[in-house]
Amino acid sequence: MFGTTHPQPPHRKEVAMQIVQQEQRAFATTELTVDPPSGDVVPLQDAPPIRFSVACTLAEYMGILREHIGFLFRQMPKAKRLRQTTVPLAVGVLALLSAWVAGPGWARNTFAAASVLSFLSLPFTLDMWIVLIAPPVFLVKKRRMPVCAFRIDGQGIERSSRLGTFVKSWDEVKMVRRYRRGYLLMFARGGMPIPFRCLDRRQQEQMRIYTTARGLGRVS
C-alpha cells in the first residue's frame, strides 16, 4: 500500500538550504521588529490603556541604544557604509604619515591628533563611544526624571514625571523597534525606551496591537 521504493536521504545541498532558511527566520525574529498579535485582537477603541511606572537602568539604556545604532548602521546604503570605513581610514593614514614627515613640533602633534581622531571614528569603535558617552547622558536624564509613569492607549502615549507630562499621538510615532531589553518608540526628535520588565504578557500583546495596527513595526 505504501509502495516498495525506499525514501531517499535528503541531498546535502537541500539540508544546507534548510539550515540557512532556519537561521534567517531566527534572525528575523530577533531583528527587532514588532511581532504581530496572536489570538483574537481586541478593537483599539475597546482595549484598556496600558499603565505602568518605570525607572530605566543603565544596562537597559545602553543595550537599547547599542542595538538601535547598529540597526541604523545596517539601514544605511552600502556605499555610505563603505565611506564610513574608508574615509576615516584614509584620513587617519594620511595624517599619520604627515606627522612622521613633519618632524618634531606643533605640526606633528596636530597631524597625530587628527590621525587618532580619524581612527576613533571607525565603525568598530562604536561600543567604546557608547561606554564613554552613554553613562553621563543617562545619569543626567536619571537625575531629571528618576521615575516615569506611562499611559498608552489607542490615542497615543502619555509620560508623566516631575518635569511634567509628555503627550504624543500615534501619528507622531515614526517607528517602533523591539529590541532584546524592550521597545523603542521613535519620534521626529528623540526616542522613548520602554523596558520589557515593566509590561506583563497582556500589556505586551496590547502594545503589539497598537503598533501593528498602524504599520509601525518597520521603518516608515
Protein backbone atom coordinates (compact mmCIF):
# COMPACT_ATOMS: atom_id res chain seq x y z
CA MET A 1 0.00 0.00 0.00
CA PHE A 2 2.87 2.36 0.70
CA GLY A 3 4.91 1.19 -2.32
CA THR A 4 8.16 -0.73 -2.49
CA THR A 5 10.59 2.13 -3.00
CA HIS A 6 12.59 3.37 -0.06
CA PRO A 7 12.74 7.09 0.71
CA GLN A 8 15.92 8.71 -0.45
CA PRO A 9 18.01 10.61 2.11
CA PRO A 10 17.93 14.39 1.60
CA HIS A 11 20.67 15.82 -0.51
CA ARG A 12 23.39 17.71 1.33
CA LYS A 13 22.53 20.88 -0.58
CA GLU A 14 18.88 20.63 0.49
CA VAL A 15 19.92 20.18 4.13
CA ALA A 16 22.22 23.17 3.90
CA MET A 17 19.46 25.31 2.39
CA GLN A 18 17.07 24.30 5.18
CA ILE A 19 19.64 25.28 7.82
CA VAL A 20 20.19 28.66 6.15
CA GLN A 21 16.43 29.29 5.97
CA GLN A 22 16.01 28.39 9.64
CA GLU A 23 18.84 30.76 10.60
CA GLN A 24 17.29 33.53 8.51
CA ARG A 25 13.93 33.03 10.23
CA ALA A 26 15.63 33.08 13.63
CA PHE A 27 17.48 36.28 12.72
CA ALA A 28 14.28 37.92 11.54
CA THR A 29 12.72 37.14 14.92
CA THR A 30 15.50 38.92 16.78
CA GLU A 31 15.89 41.56 14.08
CA LEU A 32 13.77 43.61 16.34
CA THR A 33 10.55 44.30 14.52
CA VAL A 34 7.28 44.31 16.42
CA ASP A 35 5.67 40.86 16.34
CA PRO A 36 2.07 40.64 15.11
CA PRO A 37 -0.55 40.00 17.81
CA SER A 38 -1.66 36.44 18.44
CA GLY A 39 -5.17 35.23 19.11
CA ASP A 40 -8.26 37.42 19.00
CA VAL A 41 -7.42 41.09 18.52
CA VAL A 42 -9.29 43.46 20.83
CA PRO A 43 -10.64 46.52 18.95
CA LEU A 44 -8.47 49.56 19.65
CA GLN A 45 -11.35 51.62 20.96
CA ASP A 46 -12.28 48.89 23.49
CA ALA A 47 -8.77 47.99 24.63
CA PRO A 48 -7.86 49.04 28.19
CA PRO A 49 -4.99 51.53 28.48
CA ILE A 50 -1.54 50.28 29.40
CA ARG A 51 -0.38 51.82 32.69
CA PHE A 52 2.96 51.34 34.41
CA SER A 53 5.79 53.18 36.14
CA VAL A 54 9.43 52.69 35.21
CA ALA A 55 12.90 53.66 36.36
CA CYS A 56 15.13 52.61 33.46
CA THR A 57 18.50 51.08 34.35
CA LEU A 58 21.84 51.93 32.75
CA ALA A 59 22.15 48.39 31.33
CA GLU A 60 18.73 48.68 29.65
CA TYR A 61 19.51 52.15 28.31
CA MET A 62 22.89 51.13 26.87
CA GLY A 63 21.55 47.84 25.48
CA ILE A 64 18.71 49.51 23.58
CA LEU A 65 20.98 52.33 22.41
CA ARG A 66 23.65 49.93 21.13
CA GLU A 67 21.15 47.81 19.19
CA HIS A 68 19.40 50.84 17.71
CA ILE A 69 22.63 52.43 16.48
CA GLY A 70 23.58 49.07 14.96
CA PHE A 71 20.17 48.90 13.27
CA LEU A 72 20.59 52.42 11.82
CA PHE A 73 24.04 51.50 10.52
CA ARG A 74 22.65 48.41 8.77
CA GLN A 75 19.93 50.52 7.16
CA MET A 76 22.50 52.80 5.51
CA PRO A 77 23.06 52.34 1.78
CA LYS A 78 26.04 50.09 1.10
CA ALA A 79 28.05 52.93 -0.45
CA LYS A 80 27.54 55.11 2.62
CA ARG A 81 28.54 52.27 4.97
CA LEU A 82 31.70 51.81 2.92
CA ARG A 83 32.51 55.51 3.20
CA GLN A 84 32.08 55.28 6.98
CA THR A 85 35.12 52.99 6.96
CA THR A 86 37.29 54.03 4.02
CA VAL A 87 37.22 57.81 4.54
CA PRO A 88 38.32 57.84 8.22
CA LEU A 89 40.89 55.12 7.48
CA ALA A 90 42.39 57.07 4.58
CA VAL A 91 42.44 60.34 6.53
CA GLY A 92 44.00 58.60 9.53
CA VAL A 93 46.79 57.03 7.49
CA LEU A 94 47.47 60.28 5.63
CA ALA A 95 47.60 62.29 8.88
CA LEU A 96 49.90 59.68 10.44
CA LEU A 97 52.31 59.88 7.50
CA SER A 98 52.18 63.67 7.61
CA ALA A 99 53.05 63.63 11.31
CA TRP A 100 56.04 61.38 10.59
CA VAL A 101 57.27 63.66 7.79
CA ALA A 102 56.66 66.92 9.71
CA GLY A 103 59.21 66.21 12.40
CA PRO A 104 59.11 67.48 16.00
CA GLY A 105 56.88 70.45 16.73
CA TRP A 106 53.26 71.61 16.72
CA ALA A 107 52.65 70.34 13.17
CA ARG A 108 53.48 66.76 14.17
CA ASN A 109 51.21 66.99 17.21
CA THR A 110 48.37 68.37 15.11
CA PHE A 111 48.65 65.65 12.46
CA ALA A 112 48.98 62.96 15.14
CA ALA A 113 45.82 64.17 16.89
CA ALA A 114 43.95 64.22 13.58
CA SER A 115 45.10 60.68 12.89
CA VAL A 116 43.92 59.42 16.28
CA LEU A 117 40.52 61.11 15.89
CA SER A 118 40.09 59.61 12.41
CA PHE A 119 40.83 56.08 13.64
CA LEU A 120 38.47 56.57 16.61
CA SER A 121 35.62 57.41 14.21
CA LEU A 122 35.75 54.00 12.54
CA PRO A 123 32.60 51.86 13.00
CA PHE A 124 34.30 49.22 15.16
CA THR A 125 34.90 51.87 17.87
CA LEU A 126 31.14 52.29 18.36
CA ASP A 127 30.99 50.24 21.57
CA MET A 128 33.82 52.29 23.05
CA TRP A 129 31.98 55.56 22.40
CA ILE A 130 28.77 54.14 23.86
CA VAL A 131 30.63 53.13 27.03
CA LEU A 132 32.18 56.60 27.30
CA ILE A 133 29.19 58.79 26.38
CA ALA A 134 26.05 56.86 27.36
CA PRO A 135 26.59 56.71 31.16
CA PRO A 136 26.91 60.51 31.66
CA VAL A 137 23.90 61.16 29.42
CA PHE A 138 21.90 58.51 31.29
CA LEU A 139 22.83 59.92 34.70
CA VAL A 140 21.69 63.42 33.65
CA LYS A 141 18.36 62.04 32.43
CA LYS A 142 18.01 59.88 35.53
CA ARG A 143 18.52 62.89 37.78
CA ARG A 144 15.92 64.90 35.88
CA MET A 145 13.40 62.04 35.60
CA PRO A 146 14.11 59.31 38.20
CA VAL A 147 10.68 57.65 37.69
CA CYS A 148 8.24 57.98 34.80
CA ALA A 149 4.58 56.98 34.76
CA PHE A 150 3.19 55.86 31.40
CA ARG A 151 -0.32 55.66 29.98
CA ILE A 152 -0.59 54.14 26.49
CA ASP A 153 -3.91 53.71 24.70
CA GLY A 154 -5.37 53.82 21.20
CA GLN A 155 -4.91 57.59 21.01
CA GLY A 156 -1.25 57.86 21.95
CA ILE A 157 1.40 57.84 24.64
CA GLU A 158 1.48 59.90 27.82
CA ARG A 159 4.56 60.04 30.04
CA SER A 160 4.48 61.86 33.38
CA SER A 161 7.48 62.76 35.53
CA ARG A 162 8.47 65.53 37.88
CA LEU A 163 9.30 67.62 34.81
CA GLY A 164 5.69 67.49 33.66
CA THR A 165 3.64 65.50 31.18
CA PHE A 166 4.83 64.49 27.72
CA VAL A 167 2.00 63.59 25.33
CA LYS A 168 2.34 62.22 21.80
CA SER A 169 -0.28 60.80 19.45
CA TRP A 170 0.36 57.62 17.47
CA ASP A 171 0.52 59.77 14.32
CA GLU A 172 3.68 61.36 15.75
CA VAL A 173 5.39 57.99 16.26
CA LYS A 174 7.73 57.35 13.35
CA MET A 175 8.91 53.87 14.27
CA VAL A 176 8.61 51.22 16.98
CA ARG A 177 11.52 48.83 17.37
CA ARG A 178 11.51 45.71 19.53
CA TYR A 179 14.95 45.04 20.96
CA ARG A 180 16.16 42.43 23.43
CA ARG A 181 15.58 44.57 26.50
CA GLY A 182 12.49 46.48 25.44
CA TYR A 183 10.66 48.65 22.94
CA LEU A 184 11.99 51.88 21.50
CA LEU A 185 9.43 54.42 20.29
CA MET A 186 10.99 56.86 17.85
CA PHE A 187 9.62 60.35 17.17
CA ALA A 188 10.75 63.08 14.79
CA ARG A 189 13.10 64.22 17.55
CA GLY A 190 14.31 61.69 20.10
CA GLY A 191 13.11 58.34 21.33
CA MET A 192 11.44 56.70 24.32
CA PRO A 193 12.64 53.32 25.66
CA ILE A 194 10.16 51.01 27.39
CA PRO A 195 11.77 48.01 29.14
CA PHE A 196 10.02 44.65 28.87
CA ARG A 197 10.16 44.10 32.65
CA CYS A 198 7.58 46.89 33.07
CA LEU A 199 4.98 45.11 30.92
CA ASP A 200 3.14 41.92 31.66
CA ARG A 201 2.15 39.50 28.90
CA ARG A 202 -1.23 41.15 28.29
CA GLN A 203 0.34 44.60 28.06
CA GLN A 204 2.98 43.41 25.60
CA GLU A 205 0.24 41.87 23.49
CA GLN A 206 -1.70 45.13 23.58
CA MET A 207 1.44 47.05 22.62
CA ARG A 208 1.79 44.87 19.54
CA ILE A 209 -1.83 45.58 18.63
CA TYR A 210 -1.32 49.32 18.85
CA THR A 211 1.83 49.28 16.72
CA THR A 212 0.87 46.72 14.08
CA ALA A 213 -2.49 48.40 13.55
CA ARG A 214 -0.59 51.44 12.31
CA GLY A 215 2.23 49.68 10.49
CA LEU A 216 4.88 50.96 12.90
CA GLY A 217 6.74 47.68 13.28
CA ARG A 218 9.18 48.52 10.49
CA VAL A 219 11.00 51.59 9.27
CA SER A 220 8.49 54.05 7.82
